[in-house]
Structures are given as structure tokens and as C-alpha cells.
Amino acid sequence: MKNMIKLLIVAATQPEIEPLLSHFDKKRSFDVLITGVGMVPTAYALGNYFTLNQHDLVINLGIAGSFDRSISLGEVVEVVDDDLAELGAEDDQDFIPIEKLGFGKSRYFASATLDQYLEKTALKKTTAITVNTVHGSDASIAKVIKQSAPQLESMEGAAFFYACEKAGVVGLQIRAVSNYVEKRNRDNWKIGLAVKNLNNFAINLINVLANQA
């Protein structure tokens, strides 16, 4: 029999994974890290955690906004490519990414895919950007679409991939779409549906991983 995968679940906020925590309750066979919202708290929390703990697999769970209208509200997707879209410099109306400035890189990638853990997964593989300020105006949305052509945006994803890369940790990012990226309109948001679908998927995935042990 194989040893059970040592798993860490990472989320920005506890409400995003509350159904999962309630489902497993005291029978939980995995660790949980709540980082706080944003790329800086996420990078710090993970960096600090990874110096003290080792895991076979780390999964970032959360909600996201979607630029891509072919992705349904509430749909669960796998993020495989995430970009720190604001990291660079402005040159009048143009944006110069950090790569062209010669000071590093802004794009980070999943170090594994769900295909390695699930025999059948219907989740779309998506690209995303990570931002400090979520987009909510026509002008800024058009600009970032022209610049990066992302499908999703979050406030933590690329920082999660960055921390995993630096620590040599296997990381997956799974998100559910809570809203489309548009002028801020809370009436259009489907946070409850996104959280429900995200957690249902995560519960099933964790059970599959446990059965592989």
C-alpha cells in the first residue's frame, strides 16, 4: 500500500473553503493554510509555512472573476498559467512587462496538473492574471485584455505559484468563477454557487487522493 499523500489546502479566506472544512471536520487528513487576501500576504504566509513543513501536494482553492464569457458562472476550472499583470512599468500609454525591463519574470505556472491525480477531469485549463486591484471599468478591462488576454483574475494565484516554485513544492490552482469582470455589480455575482461547486469538487478530489494511498 502506498503512503497517503501529504496534502495542504491553501485559501485566501476561510469562507471560500468552509463547506470542505465542515464536511471533513475532525476526520481531516490534510492540512489547511488561510493566507489572507492578496499576493503579499499569500507569498509571506506560504514562504513562512514552507520553511517549517513539507507536503507532497499543495492545492490553492478560491473564487475568481472571468474575462472569458464562455466560462459559466459557478464553473470550476484549473488555472495552469498565472501572470503578475501589474509587474512592470508604464511608458505613456504602453506597458513594459518586468521581463522586458530585465528584472525578473511575471508569469508562473502550475508544477502539476489534475490529470496526474484524476483519471477523468472535465475541468478547463485556463490562464489568469493576479492583481492588487480587481478590474471594474471598461477602460482598464480593455487595456488588460489587450496586454495579457487573460481568462481569469484573482488576487493570489501567481503568488501561490511563485511560492511553490521557490520552495520546490508541487502546486495546483483550482478556482470557481463567481463573476464576470465588468463594472462592479454585486447583483450579478454568484459567489454562493461558486463556493458550493468549488467545495464539491475539492471534496471529491480529496477523497480520490485518499483512496490512492
N, C-alpha and C. Protein backbone atom coordinates (compact mmCIF):
# COMPACT_ATOMS: atom_id res chain seq x y z
N MET A 1 0.84 -1.19 0.00
CA MET A 1 0.00 0.00 0.00
C MET A 1 0.88 1.25 0.00
N LYS A 2 0.51 2.23 -0.83
CA LYS A 2 1.26 3.47 -0.88
C LYS A 2 0.98 4.31 0.36
N ASN A 3 1.95 5.17 0.69
CA ASN A 3 1.71 6.11 1.77
C ASN A 3 0.71 7.16 1.33
N MET A 4 -0.10 7.64 2.25
CA MET A 4 -1.08 8.67 1.93
C MET A 4 -0.37 9.96 1.53
N ILE A 5 -0.89 10.61 0.50
CA ILE A 5 -0.33 11.88 0.06
C ILE A 5 -0.47 12.91 1.18
N LYS A 6 0.62 13.57 1.50
CA LYS A 6 0.56 14.64 2.49
C LYS A 6 0.12 15.91 1.77
N LEU A 7 -1.08 16.35 2.09
CA LEU A 7 -1.77 17.39 1.32
C LEU A 7 -1.95 18.65 2.14
N LEU A 8 -1.73 19.80 1.48
CA LEU A 8 -2.01 21.10 2.07
C LEU A 8 -3.03 21.83 1.20
N ILE A 9 -4.11 22.28 1.81
CA ILE A 9 -5.10 23.10 1.12
C ILE A 9 -4.87 24.56 1.50
N VAL A 10 -4.76 25.42 0.50
CA VAL A 10 -4.48 26.84 0.71
C VAL A 10 -5.64 27.67 0.19
N ALA A 11 -6.10 28.62 0.98
CA ALA A 11 -7.15 29.54 0.54
C ALA A 11 -6.87 30.92 1.11
N ALA A 12 -7.37 31.94 0.43
CA ALA A 12 -7.19 33.30 0.92
C ALA A 12 -8.06 33.57 2.13
N THR A 13 -9.30 33.04 2.10
CA THR A 13 -10.24 33.27 3.19
C THR A 13 -10.91 31.96 3.58
N GLN A 14 -11.30 31.84 4.83
CA GLN A 14 -11.94 30.61 5.29
C GLN A 14 -13.31 30.39 4.66
N PRO A 15 -14.14 31.43 4.44
CA PRO A 15 -15.45 31.18 3.82
C PRO A 15 -15.37 30.48 2.46
N GLU A 16 -14.27 30.68 1.73
CA GLU A 16 -14.15 30.04 0.42
C GLU A 16 -14.07 28.52 0.53
N ILE A 17 -13.61 28.01 1.67
CA ILE A 17 -13.49 26.55 1.83
C ILE A 17 -14.25 26.04 3.06
N GLU A 18 -15.15 26.85 3.59
CA GLU A 18 -15.89 26.44 4.79
C GLU A 18 -16.67 25.14 4.59
N PRO A 19 -17.35 24.94 3.44
CA PRO A 19 -18.07 23.67 3.25
C PRO A 19 -17.15 22.45 3.31
N LEU A 20 -15.95 22.59 2.76
CA LEU A 20 -14.98 21.50 2.80
C LEU A 20 -14.55 21.21 4.23
N LEU A 21 -14.27 22.26 4.98
CA LEU A 21 -13.84 22.08 6.37
C LEU A 21 -14.95 21.44 7.20
N SER A 22 -16.18 21.86 6.96
CA SER A 22 -17.31 21.29 7.70
C SER A 22 -17.54 19.83 7.32
N HIS A 23 -17.33 19.51 6.05
CA HIS A 23 -17.54 18.14 5.57
C HIS A 23 -16.59 17.16 6.25
N PHE A 24 -15.32 17.51 6.29
CA PHE A 24 -14.33 16.59 6.86
C PHE A 24 -14.22 16.73 8.38
N ASP A 25 -14.46 17.93 8.89
CA ASP A 25 -14.47 18.20 10.32
C ASP A 25 -13.22 17.60 10.99
N LYS A 26 -13.40 16.81 12.03
CA LYS A 26 -12.25 16.27 12.78
C LYS A 26 -11.60 15.08 12.09
N LYS A 27 -12.22 14.58 11.03
CA LYS A 27 -11.66 13.43 10.31
C LYS A 27 -10.71 13.88 9.20
N ARG A 28 -10.30 15.13 9.27
CA ARG A 28 -9.48 15.71 8.22
C ARG A 28 -8.11 15.05 8.17
N SER A 29 -7.70 14.65 6.97
CA SER A 29 -6.39 14.02 6.77
C SER A 29 -5.42 14.94 6.04
N PHE A 30 -5.76 16.21 5.97
CA PHE A 30 -4.93 17.19 5.26
C PHE A 30 -4.77 18.43 6.12
N ASP A 31 -3.77 19.24 5.78
CA ASP A 31 -3.53 20.49 6.49
C ASP A 31 -4.17 21.65 5.73
N VAL A 32 -4.40 22.74 6.44
CA VAL A 32 -5.06 23.91 5.85
C VAL A 32 -4.27 25.16 6.22
N LEU A 33 -4.10 26.04 5.22
CA LEU A 33 -3.46 27.34 5.46
C LEU A 33 -4.35 28.44 4.88
N ILE A 34 -4.79 29.36 5.73
CA ILE A 34 -5.53 30.54 5.29
C ILE A 34 -4.53 31.69 5.25
N THR A 35 -4.29 32.23 4.07
CA THR A 35 -3.20 33.20 3.88
C THR A 35 -3.60 34.64 4.11
N GLY A 36 -4.89 34.96 3.91
CA GLY A 36 -5.31 36.35 3.81
C GLY A 36 -5.37 36.75 2.35
N VAL A 37 -6.10 37.81 2.08
CA VAL A 37 -6.35 38.24 0.70
C VAL A 37 -5.16 39.02 0.14
N GLY A 38 -4.78 38.72 -1.09
CA GLY A 38 -3.75 39.48 -1.78
C GLY A 38 -2.45 38.71 -1.96
N MET A 39 -1.66 39.18 -2.92
CA MET A 39 -0.44 38.46 -3.28
C MET A 39 0.64 38.57 -2.21
N VAL A 40 0.73 39.69 -1.52
CA VAL A 40 1.76 39.84 -0.49
C VAL A 40 1.49 38.94 0.71
N PRO A 41 0.28 38.97 1.31
CA PRO A 41 0.01 38.03 2.40
C PRO A 41 0.16 36.57 1.98
N THR A 42 -0.22 36.26 0.73
CA THR A 42 -0.13 34.88 0.26
C THR A 42 1.32 34.43 0.16
N ALA A 43 2.16 35.26 -0.46
CA ALA A 43 3.58 34.90 -0.61
C ALA A 43 4.25 34.76 0.76
N TYR A 44 3.95 35.69 1.67
CA TYR A 44 4.56 35.62 3.00
C TYR A 44 4.10 34.38 3.76
N ALA A 45 2.79 34.14 3.77
CA ALA A 45 2.26 33.01 4.54
C ALA A 45 2.81 31.69 4.03
N LEU A 46 2.88 31.54 2.71
CA LEU A 46 3.40 30.30 2.14
C LEU A 46 4.89 30.15 2.37
N GLY A 47 5.63 31.24 2.18
CA GLY A 47 7.07 31.17 2.40
C GLY A 47 7.40 30.77 3.83
N ASN A 48 6.68 31.36 4.77
CA ASN A 48 6.88 31.04 6.17
C ASN A 48 6.49 29.59 6.46
N TYR A 49 5.36 29.16 5.90
CA TYR A 49 4.86 27.80 6.14
C TYR A 49 5.81 26.76 5.56
N PHE A 50 6.30 27.01 4.35
CA PHE A 50 7.15 26.02 3.68
C PHE A 50 8.50 25.83 4.36
N THR A 51 8.94 26.80 5.13
CA THR A 51 10.21 26.62 5.85
C THR A 51 10.07 25.65 7.01
N LEU A 52 8.83 25.42 7.45
CA LEU A 52 8.59 24.59 8.63
C LEU A 52 7.89 23.27 8.32
N ASN A 53 7.34 23.14 7.12
CA ASN A 53 6.51 21.97 6.79
C ASN A 53 6.81 21.47 5.39
N GLN A 54 6.61 20.18 5.19
CA GLN A 54 6.79 19.57 3.87
C GLN A 54 5.50 18.85 3.47
N HIS A 55 5.13 19.00 2.19
CA HIS A 55 3.93 18.35 1.67
C HIS A 55 4.21 17.78 0.29
N ASP A 56 3.48 16.73 -0.05
CA ASP A 56 3.61 16.13 -1.39
C ASP A 56 2.85 16.93 -2.43
N LEU A 57 1.78 17.58 -2.01
CA LEU A 57 0.91 18.31 -2.93
C LEU A 57 0.26 19.47 -2.19
N VAL A 58 0.25 20.64 -2.85
CA VAL A 58 -0.40 21.83 -2.30
C VAL A 58 -1.44 22.30 -3.31
N ILE A 59 -2.66 22.52 -2.85
CA ILE A 59 -3.75 22.94 -3.74
C ILE A 59 -4.31 24.27 -3.26
N ASN A 60 -4.28 25.25 -4.16
CA ASN A 60 -4.88 26.55 -3.89
C ASN A 60 -6.33 26.54 -4.37
N LEU A 61 -7.26 26.76 -3.45
CA LEU A 61 -8.68 26.81 -3.78
C LEU A 61 -9.19 28.23 -3.60
N GLY A 62 -10.03 28.69 -4.53
CA GLY A 62 -10.58 30.03 -4.38
C GLY A 62 -11.57 30.35 -5.48
N ILE A 63 -12.13 31.55 -5.39
CA ILE A 63 -13.02 32.04 -6.43
C ILE A 63 -12.26 33.03 -7.30
N ALA A 64 -12.85 33.35 -8.45
CA ALA A 64 -12.18 34.23 -9.39
C ALA A 64 -13.20 34.94 -10.26
N GLY A 65 -12.78 36.05 -10.84
CA GLY A 65 -13.57 36.71 -11.87
C GLY A 65 -13.11 36.23 -13.23
N SER A 66 -14.02 36.22 -14.19
CA SER A 66 -13.68 35.72 -15.53
C SER A 66 -13.86 36.81 -16.59
N PHE A 67 -12.84 36.97 -17.43
CA PHE A 67 -12.95 37.79 -18.63
C PHE A 67 -13.62 36.99 -19.74
N ASP A 68 -13.53 35.69 -19.66
CA ASP A 68 -13.98 34.77 -20.70
C ASP A 68 -15.43 34.38 -20.45
N ARG A 69 -16.33 34.88 -21.31
CA ARG A 69 -17.77 34.63 -21.11
C ARG A 69 -18.17 33.22 -21.53
N SER A 70 -17.27 32.47 -22.12
CA SER A 70 -17.59 31.07 -22.42
C SER A 70 -17.48 30.20 -21.18
N ILE A 71 -16.90 30.73 -20.12
CA ILE A 71 -16.85 30.04 -18.83
C ILE A 71 -18.08 30.45 -18.04
N SER A 72 -18.86 29.50 -17.59
CA SER A 72 -20.11 29.79 -16.91
C SER A 72 -19.87 30.27 -15.48
N LEU A 73 -20.77 31.11 -14.99
CA LEU A 73 -20.71 31.48 -13.58
C LEU A 73 -20.91 30.23 -12.73
N GLY A 74 -20.06 30.07 -11.74
CA GLY A 74 -20.10 28.87 -10.90
C GLY A 74 -19.22 27.74 -11.40
N GLU A 75 -18.70 27.87 -12.62
CA GLU A 75 -17.90 26.78 -13.19
C GLU A 75 -16.55 26.67 -12.48
N VAL A 76 -16.12 25.44 -12.26
CA VAL A 76 -14.83 25.16 -11.64
C VAL A 76 -13.80 24.91 -12.74
N VAL A 77 -12.64 25.55 -12.62
CA VAL A 77 -11.60 25.44 -13.64
C VAL A 77 -10.24 25.23 -12.97
N GLU A 78 -9.30 24.79 -13.79
CA GLU A 78 -7.92 24.60 -13.34
C GLU A 78 -7.07 25.71 -13.94
N VAL A 79 -6.41 26.49 -13.11
CA VAL A 79 -5.51 27.54 -13.59
C VAL A 79 -4.10 26.95 -13.73
N VAL A 80 -3.55 27.05 -14.93
CA VAL A 80 -2.23 26.45 -15.18
C VAL A 80 -1.16 27.50 -15.49
N ASP A 81 -1.57 28.74 -15.73
CA ASP A 81 -0.67 29.80 -16.16
C ASP A 81 -1.18 31.09 -15.53
N ASP A 82 -0.36 31.74 -14.70
CA ASP A 82 -0.83 32.92 -13.97
C ASP A 82 0.23 34.02 -14.04
N ASP A 83 -0.22 35.24 -14.27
CA ASP A 83 0.68 36.36 -14.56
C ASP A 83 0.47 37.49 -13.56
N LEU A 84 1.56 38.00 -13.01
CA LEU A 84 1.51 39.21 -12.19
C LEU A 84 1.40 40.40 -13.14
N ALA A 85 0.18 40.70 -13.55
CA ALA A 85 -0.05 41.58 -14.70
C ALA A 85 0.38 43.02 -14.47
N GLU A 86 0.51 43.44 -13.21
CA GLU A 86 0.87 44.83 -12.93
C GLU A 86 2.37 45.02 -12.74
N LEU A 87 3.14 43.94 -12.83
CA LEU A 87 4.57 43.99 -12.52
C LEU A 87 5.35 44.48 -13.74
N GLY A 88 5.74 45.75 -13.71
CA GLY A 88 6.43 46.33 -14.85
C GLY A 88 6.44 47.84 -14.73
N ALA A 89 6.40 48.51 -15.87
CA ALA A 89 6.44 49.98 -15.88
C ALA A 89 5.55 50.51 -16.99
N GLU A 90 5.01 51.71 -16.76
CA GLU A 90 4.26 52.39 -17.80
C GLU A 90 5.19 53.27 -18.62
N ASP A 91 4.96 53.30 -19.93
CA ASP A 91 5.66 54.19 -20.84
C ASP A 91 4.59 54.93 -21.63
N ASP A 92 4.13 56.04 -21.05
CA ASP A 92 2.98 56.77 -21.59
C ASP A 92 1.77 55.82 -21.62
N GLN A 93 1.27 55.48 -22.79
CA GLN A 93 0.10 54.60 -22.88
C GLN A 93 0.48 53.12 -23.00
N ASP A 94 1.76 52.84 -23.06
CA ASP A 94 2.21 51.45 -23.20
C ASP A 94 2.64 50.88 -21.85
N PHE A 95 2.59 49.55 -21.75
CA PHE A 95 3.05 48.85 -20.55
C PHE A 95 4.26 48.01 -20.90
N ILE A 96 5.29 48.11 -20.06
CA ILE A 96 6.51 47.33 -20.27
C ILE A 96 6.57 46.26 -19.18
N PRO A 97 6.44 44.99 -19.53
CA PRO A 97 6.48 43.94 -18.50
C PRO A 97 7.87 43.81 -17.90
N ILE A 98 7.92 43.24 -16.72
CA ILE A 98 9.17 43.12 -15.97
C ILE A 98 10.23 42.36 -16.76
N GLU A 99 9.80 41.42 -17.60
CA GLU A 99 10.75 40.65 -18.41
C GLU A 99 11.53 41.57 -19.36
N LYS A 100 10.83 42.52 -20.00
CA LYS A 100 11.50 43.43 -20.93
C LYS A 100 12.38 44.43 -20.21
N LEU A 101 12.05 44.70 -18.97
CA LEU A 101 12.90 45.59 -18.17
C LEU A 101 14.16 44.89 -17.70
N GLY A 102 14.15 43.56 -17.75
CA GLY A 102 15.32 42.78 -17.37
C GLY A 102 15.46 42.54 -15.88
N PHE A 103 14.34 42.62 -15.15
CA PHE A 103 14.41 42.50 -13.70
C PHE A 103 13.71 41.26 -13.14
N GLY A 104 13.41 40.28 -13.98
CA GLY A 104 12.77 39.08 -13.47
C GLY A 104 11.68 38.60 -14.38
N LYS A 105 10.68 37.95 -13.81
CA LYS A 105 9.57 37.43 -14.61
C LYS A 105 8.26 37.62 -13.87
N SER A 106 7.19 37.64 -14.63
CA SER A 106 5.87 37.84 -14.04
C SER A 106 4.97 36.63 -14.19
N ARG A 107 5.32 35.71 -15.06
CA ARG A 107 4.46 34.55 -15.32
C ARG A 107 4.95 33.32 -14.57
N TYR A 108 3.99 32.65 -13.93
CA TYR A 108 4.30 31.44 -13.17
C TYR A 108 3.29 30.36 -13.52
N PHE A 109 3.70 29.12 -13.38
CA PHE A 109 2.92 28.01 -13.89
C PHE A 109 2.70 26.94 -12.83
N ALA A 110 1.61 26.20 -13.00
CA ALA A 110 1.38 25.04 -12.14
C ALA A 110 2.49 24.03 -12.36
N SER A 111 2.95 23.42 -11.29
CA SER A 111 4.02 22.42 -11.41
C SER A 111 3.48 21.02 -11.58
N ALA A 112 2.15 20.90 -11.64
CA ALA A 112 1.49 19.62 -11.91
C ALA A 112 0.13 19.94 -12.52
N THR A 113 -0.57 18.93 -12.98
CA THR A 113 -1.93 19.11 -13.49
C THR A 113 -2.84 18.07 -12.85
N LEU A 114 -4.12 18.36 -12.88
CA LEU A 114 -5.10 17.43 -12.31
C LEU A 114 -5.06 16.07 -12.97
N ASP A 115 -4.67 16.05 -14.25
CA ASP A 115 -4.60 14.78 -14.99
C ASP A 115 -3.71 13.76 -14.29
N GLN A 116 -2.76 14.24 -13.52
CA GLN A 116 -1.85 13.34 -12.83
C GLN A 116 -2.50 12.68 -11.61
N TYR A 117 -3.64 13.23 -11.18
CA TYR A 117 -4.28 12.73 -9.97
C TYR A 117 -5.69 12.19 -10.21
N LEU A 118 -6.33 12.65 -11.27
CA LEU A 118 -7.67 12.19 -11.61
C LEU A 118 -7.65 11.54 -12.99
N GLU A 119 -8.24 10.36 -13.10
CA GLU A 119 -8.27 9.68 -14.40
C GLU A 119 -9.11 10.46 -15.41
N LYS A 120 -10.20 11.02 -14.93
CA LYS A 120 -11.07 11.79 -15.81
C LYS A 120 -11.40 13.12 -15.14
N THR A 121 -11.07 14.21 -15.80
CA THR A 121 -11.44 15.53 -15.31
C THR A 121 -11.92 16.37 -16.47
N ALA A 122 -13.07 16.98 -16.28
CA ALA A 122 -13.65 17.80 -17.34
C ALA A 122 -13.32 19.28 -17.15
N LEU A 123 -12.48 19.58 -16.17
CA LEU A 123 -12.17 20.98 -15.91
C LEU A 123 -11.37 21.60 -17.05
N LYS A 124 -11.75 22.81 -17.42
CA LYS A 124 -10.98 23.55 -18.42
C LYS A 124 -9.67 24.01 -17.79
N LYS A 125 -8.61 23.97 -18.59
CA LYS A 125 -7.33 24.53 -18.18
C LYS A 125 -7.30 25.98 -18.64
N THR A 126 -7.05 26.90 -17.72
CA THR A 126 -7.20 28.31 -18.02
C THR A 126 -5.94 29.11 -17.68
N THR A 127 -5.90 30.32 -18.24
CA THR A 127 -4.86 31.29 -17.90
C THR A 127 -5.48 32.36 -17.01
N ALA A 128 -4.64 33.00 -16.21
CA ALA A 128 -5.16 34.00 -15.27
C ALA A 128 -4.13 35.10 -15.06
N ILE A 129 -4.61 36.20 -14.50
CA ILE A 129 -3.72 37.24 -14.01
C ILE A 129 -3.99 37.42 -12.52
N THR A 130 -2.96 37.87 -11.81
CA THR A 130 -3.09 38.18 -10.39
C THR A 130 -2.87 39.67 -10.22
N VAL A 131 -3.79 40.32 -9.50
CA VAL A 131 -3.78 41.78 -9.42
C VAL A 131 -3.96 42.24 -7.98
N ASN A 132 -3.54 43.47 -7.72
CA ASN A 132 -3.83 44.10 -6.44
C ASN A 132 -5.19 44.77 -6.45
N THR A 133 -5.60 45.25 -7.62
CA THR A 133 -6.90 45.90 -7.78
C THR A 133 -7.68 45.17 -8.85
N VAL A 134 -8.80 44.55 -8.47
CA VAL A 134 -9.59 43.84 -9.46
C VAL A 134 -10.21 44.85 -10.42
N HIS A 135 -10.35 44.46 -11.66
CA HIS A 135 -10.79 45.38 -12.71
C HIS A 135 -12.29 45.64 -12.64
N GLY A 136 -12.67 46.91 -12.85
CA GLY A 136 -14.08 47.26 -12.75
C GLY A 136 -14.48 48.45 -13.60
N SER A 137 -13.66 48.79 -14.59
CA SER A 137 -14.02 49.86 -15.52
C SER A 137 -13.77 49.38 -16.95
N ASP A 138 -14.54 49.90 -17.88
CA ASP A 138 -14.40 49.48 -19.27
C ASP A 138 -12.98 49.73 -19.79
N ALA A 139 -12.42 50.88 -19.41
CA ALA A 139 -11.09 51.25 -19.92
C ALA A 139 -10.01 50.31 -19.40
N SER A 140 -10.03 50.04 -18.10
CA SER A 140 -8.98 49.18 -17.53
C SER A 140 -9.14 47.73 -17.99
N ILE A 141 -10.39 47.29 -18.18
CA ILE A 141 -10.64 45.93 -18.66
C ILE A 141 -10.12 45.77 -20.08
N ALA A 142 -10.43 46.74 -20.93
CA ALA A 142 -9.96 46.68 -22.32
C ALA A 142 -8.44 46.70 -22.38
N LYS A 143 -7.82 47.48 -21.51
CA LYS A 143 -6.36 47.59 -21.50
C LYS A 143 -5.70 46.28 -21.10
N VAL A 144 -6.21 45.63 -20.06
CA VAL A 144 -5.57 44.39 -19.60
C VAL A 144 -5.85 43.24 -20.56
N ILE A 145 -7.00 43.25 -21.21
CA ILE A 145 -7.28 42.22 -22.22
C ILE A 145 -6.30 42.36 -23.38
N LYS A 146 -6.04 43.60 -23.81
CA LYS A 146 -5.08 43.84 -24.89
C LYS A 146 -3.67 43.44 -24.45
N GLN A 147 -3.35 43.71 -23.21
CA GLN A 147 -2.00 43.45 -22.69
C GLN A 147 -1.73 41.97 -22.46
N SER A 148 -2.69 41.27 -21.84
CA SER A 148 -2.42 39.90 -21.38
C SER A 148 -3.37 38.84 -21.91
N ALA A 149 -4.54 39.25 -22.41
CA ALA A 149 -5.57 38.31 -22.89
C ALA A 149 -5.85 37.21 -21.87
N PRO A 150 -6.10 37.57 -20.61
CA PRO A 150 -6.35 36.53 -19.59
C PRO A 150 -7.76 36.00 -19.67
N GLN A 151 -7.96 34.82 -19.11
CA GLN A 151 -9.31 34.29 -18.96
C GLN A 151 -9.89 34.63 -17.59
N LEU A 152 -9.03 34.60 -16.55
CA LEU A 152 -9.49 34.84 -15.19
C LEU A 152 -8.61 35.87 -14.49
N GLU A 153 -9.12 36.39 -13.37
CA GLU A 153 -8.27 37.18 -12.49
C GLU A 153 -8.57 36.83 -11.04
N SER A 154 -7.51 36.85 -10.24
CA SER A 154 -7.63 36.69 -8.79
C SER A 154 -6.62 37.63 -8.14
N MET A 155 -6.55 37.58 -6.82
CA MET A 155 -5.61 38.42 -6.10
C MET A 155 -4.47 37.63 -5.47
N GLU A 156 -4.43 36.31 -5.74
CA GLU A 156 -3.42 35.47 -5.08
C GLU A 156 -2.71 34.46 -5.98
N GLY A 157 -3.30 34.07 -7.10
CA GLY A 157 -2.86 32.89 -7.84
C GLY A 157 -1.40 32.84 -8.22
N ALA A 158 -0.90 33.90 -8.85
CA ALA A 158 0.50 33.89 -9.28
C ALA A 158 1.45 33.86 -8.09
N ALA A 159 1.06 34.51 -7.00
CA ALA A 159 1.88 34.48 -5.78
C ALA A 159 1.96 33.06 -5.23
N PHE A 160 0.86 32.32 -5.33
CA PHE A 160 0.86 30.92 -4.92
C PHE A 160 1.83 30.11 -5.77
N PHE A 161 1.76 30.26 -7.10
CA PHE A 161 2.68 29.53 -7.98
C PHE A 161 4.13 29.94 -7.71
N TYR A 162 4.35 31.22 -7.48
CA TYR A 162 5.69 31.72 -7.19
C TYR A 162 6.26 31.05 -5.94
N ALA A 163 5.48 31.03 -4.87
CA ALA A 163 5.95 30.43 -3.62
C ALA A 163 6.23 28.94 -3.79
N CYS A 164 5.36 28.26 -4.53
CA CYS A 164 5.57 26.82 -4.77
C CYS A 164 6.85 26.59 -5.57
N GLU A 165 7.06 27.42 -6.59
CA GLU A 165 8.26 27.27 -7.41
C GLU A 165 9.52 27.47 -6.58
N LYS A 166 9.54 28.52 -5.78
CA LYS A 166 10.73 28.82 -4.98
C LYS A 166 11.01 27.73 -3.94
N ALA A 167 9.95 27.11 -3.43
CA ALA A 167 10.11 26.08 -2.40
C ALA A 167 10.26 24.68 -2.99
N GLY A 168 10.11 24.57 -4.32
CA GLY A 168 10.18 23.25 -4.95
C GLY A 168 9.02 22.36 -4.57
N VAL A 169 7.85 22.95 -4.43
CA VAL A 169 6.65 22.24 -3.99
C VAL A 169 5.71 22.04 -5.18
N VAL A 170 5.05 20.89 -5.23
CA VAL A 170 4.07 20.61 -6.28
C VAL A 170 2.78 21.34 -5.96
N GLY A 171 2.35 22.22 -6.87
CA GLY A 171 1.17 23.03 -6.61
C GLY A 171 0.15 23.02 -7.73
N LEU A 172 -1.12 22.95 -7.36
CA LEU A 172 -2.26 23.07 -8.28
C LEU A 172 -3.11 24.25 -7.84
N GLN A 173 -3.74 24.90 -8.82
CA GLN A 173 -4.65 26.01 -8.51
C GLN A 173 -6.02 25.70 -9.12
N ILE A 174 -7.03 25.60 -8.26
CA ILE A 174 -8.39 25.31 -8.69
C ILE A 174 -9.29 26.46 -8.25
N ARG A 175 -10.05 27.01 -9.20
CA ARG A 175 -10.92 28.14 -8.87
C ARG A 175 -12.31 27.95 -9.48
N ALA A 176 -13.28 28.59 -8.86
CA ALA A 176 -14.63 28.64 -9.41
C ALA A 176 -14.96 30.10 -9.72
N VAL A 177 -15.64 30.31 -10.83
CA VAL A 177 -15.94 31.66 -11.30
C VAL A 177 -17.16 32.21 -10.55
N SER A 178 -16.94 33.31 -9.85
CA SER A 178 -18.02 33.93 -9.08
C SER A 178 -18.67 35.10 -9.81
N ASN A 179 -17.97 35.64 -10.80
CA ASN A 179 -18.47 36.82 -11.51
C ASN A 179 -17.70 37.02 -12.80
N TYR A 180 -18.30 37.76 -13.70
CA TYR A 180 -17.57 38.20 -14.89
C TYR A 180 -16.89 39.53 -14.57
N VAL A 181 -15.75 39.77 -15.20
CA VAL A 181 -15.02 41.01 -14.97
C VAL A 181 -15.72 42.11 -15.78
N GLU A 182 -16.33 43.03 -15.06
CA GLU A 182 -17.12 44.10 -15.66
C GLU A 182 -17.25 45.21 -14.63
N LYS A 183 -18.01 46.25 -14.96
CA LYS A 183 -18.28 47.28 -13.97
C LYS A 183 -18.92 46.61 -12.75
N ARG A 184 -18.47 47.00 -11.58
CA ARG A 184 -18.86 46.33 -10.34
C ARG A 184 -20.38 46.32 -10.17
N ASN A 185 -20.94 45.11 -10.13
CA ASN A 185 -22.39 44.94 -9.98
C ASN A 185 -22.64 43.68 -9.16
N ARG A 186 -22.81 43.85 -7.88
CA ARG A 186 -22.94 42.71 -6.97
C ARG A 186 -24.17 41.85 -7.28
N ASP A 187 -25.18 42.46 -7.92
CA ASP A 187 -26.38 41.69 -8.26
C ASP A 187 -26.09 40.57 -9.25
N ASN A 188 -25.01 40.71 -10.00
CA ASN A 188 -24.65 39.70 -11.00
C ASN A 188 -23.74 38.61 -10.44
N TRP A 189 -23.26 38.78 -9.23
CA TRP A 189 -22.30 37.84 -8.67
C TRP A 189 -22.99 36.54 -8.25
N LYS A 190 -22.25 35.45 -8.36
CA LYS A 190 -22.74 34.13 -7.96
C LYS A 190 -21.73 33.49 -7.00
N ILE A 191 -21.42 34.21 -5.94
CA ILE A 191 -20.40 33.72 -5.01
C ILE A 191 -20.84 32.42 -4.34
N GLY A 192 -22.09 32.37 -3.91
CA GLY A 192 -22.58 31.16 -3.25
C GLY A 192 -22.48 29.94 -4.13
N LEU A 193 -22.87 30.09 -5.39
CA LEU A 193 -22.79 28.97 -6.34
C LEU A 193 -21.34 28.57 -6.57
N ALA A 194 -20.46 29.57 -6.73
CA ALA A 194 -19.05 29.28 -6.97
C ALA A 194 -18.43 28.53 -5.79
N VAL A 195 -18.72 28.98 -4.58
CA VAL A 195 -18.18 28.32 -3.39
C VAL A 195 -18.72 26.90 -3.28
N LYS A 196 -20.00 26.72 -3.53
CA LYS A 196 -20.60 25.39 -3.47
C LYS A 196 -19.94 24.44 -4.46
N ASN A 197 -19.81 24.87 -5.71
CA ASN A 197 -19.23 24.00 -6.74
C ASN A 197 -17.76 23.73 -6.49
N LEU A 198 -17.04 24.76 -6.06
CA LEU A 198 -15.62 24.60 -5.75
C LEU A 198 -15.41 23.56 -4.66
N ASN A 199 -16.19 23.66 -3.61
CA ASN A 199 -16.03 22.75 -2.48
C ASN A 199 -16.48 21.33 -2.80
N ASN A 200 -17.54 21.20 -3.57
CA ASN A 200 -17.97 19.86 -4.00
C ASN A 200 -16.87 19.17 -4.80
N PHE A 201 -16.24 19.94 -5.70
CA PHE A 201 -15.14 19.37 -6.49
C PHE A 201 -13.97 19.01 -5.58
N ALA A 202 -13.62 19.91 -4.67
CA ALA A 202 -12.47 19.68 -3.79
C ALA A 202 -12.69 18.48 -2.87
N ILE A 203 -13.90 18.32 -2.37
CA ILE A 203 -14.21 17.17 -1.51
C ILE A 203 -14.02 15.87 -2.28
N ASN A 204 -14.51 15.85 -3.51
CA ASN A 204 -14.34 14.65 -4.34
C ASN A 204 -12.87 14.38 -4.63
N LEU A 205 -12.13 15.43 -4.95
CA LEU A 205 -10.70 15.28 -5.25
C LEU A 205 -9.94 14.74 -4.03
N ILE A 206 -10.22 15.27 -2.87
CA ILE A 206 -9.54 14.81 -1.66
C ILE A 206 -9.87 13.35 -1.37
N ASN A 207 -11.11 12.96 -1.59
CA ASN A 207 -11.49 11.55 -1.41
C ASN A 207 -10.76 10.64 -2.39
N VAL A 208 -10.62 11.10 -3.63
CA VAL A 208 -9.88 10.32 -4.63
C VAL A 208 -8.42 10.17 -4.21
N LEU A 209 -7.82 11.26 -3.76
CA LEU A 209 -6.42 11.21 -3.33
C LEU A 209 -6.25 10.26 -2.14
N ALA A 210 -7.21 10.27 -1.23
CA ALA A 210 -7.14 9.38 -0.07
C ALA A 210 -7.24 7.92 -0.49
N ASN A 211 -8.05 7.65 -1.50
CA ASN A 211 -8.23 6.27 -1.96
C ASN A 211 -7.03 5.76 -2.76
N GLN A 212 -6.17 6.68 -3.20
CA GLN A 212 -4.98 6.28 -3.93
C GLN A 212 -3.88 5.81 -2.99
N ALA A 213 -4.04 6.08 -1.71
CA ALA A 213 -3.00 5.71 -0.73
C ALA A 213 -2.95 4.20 -0.54
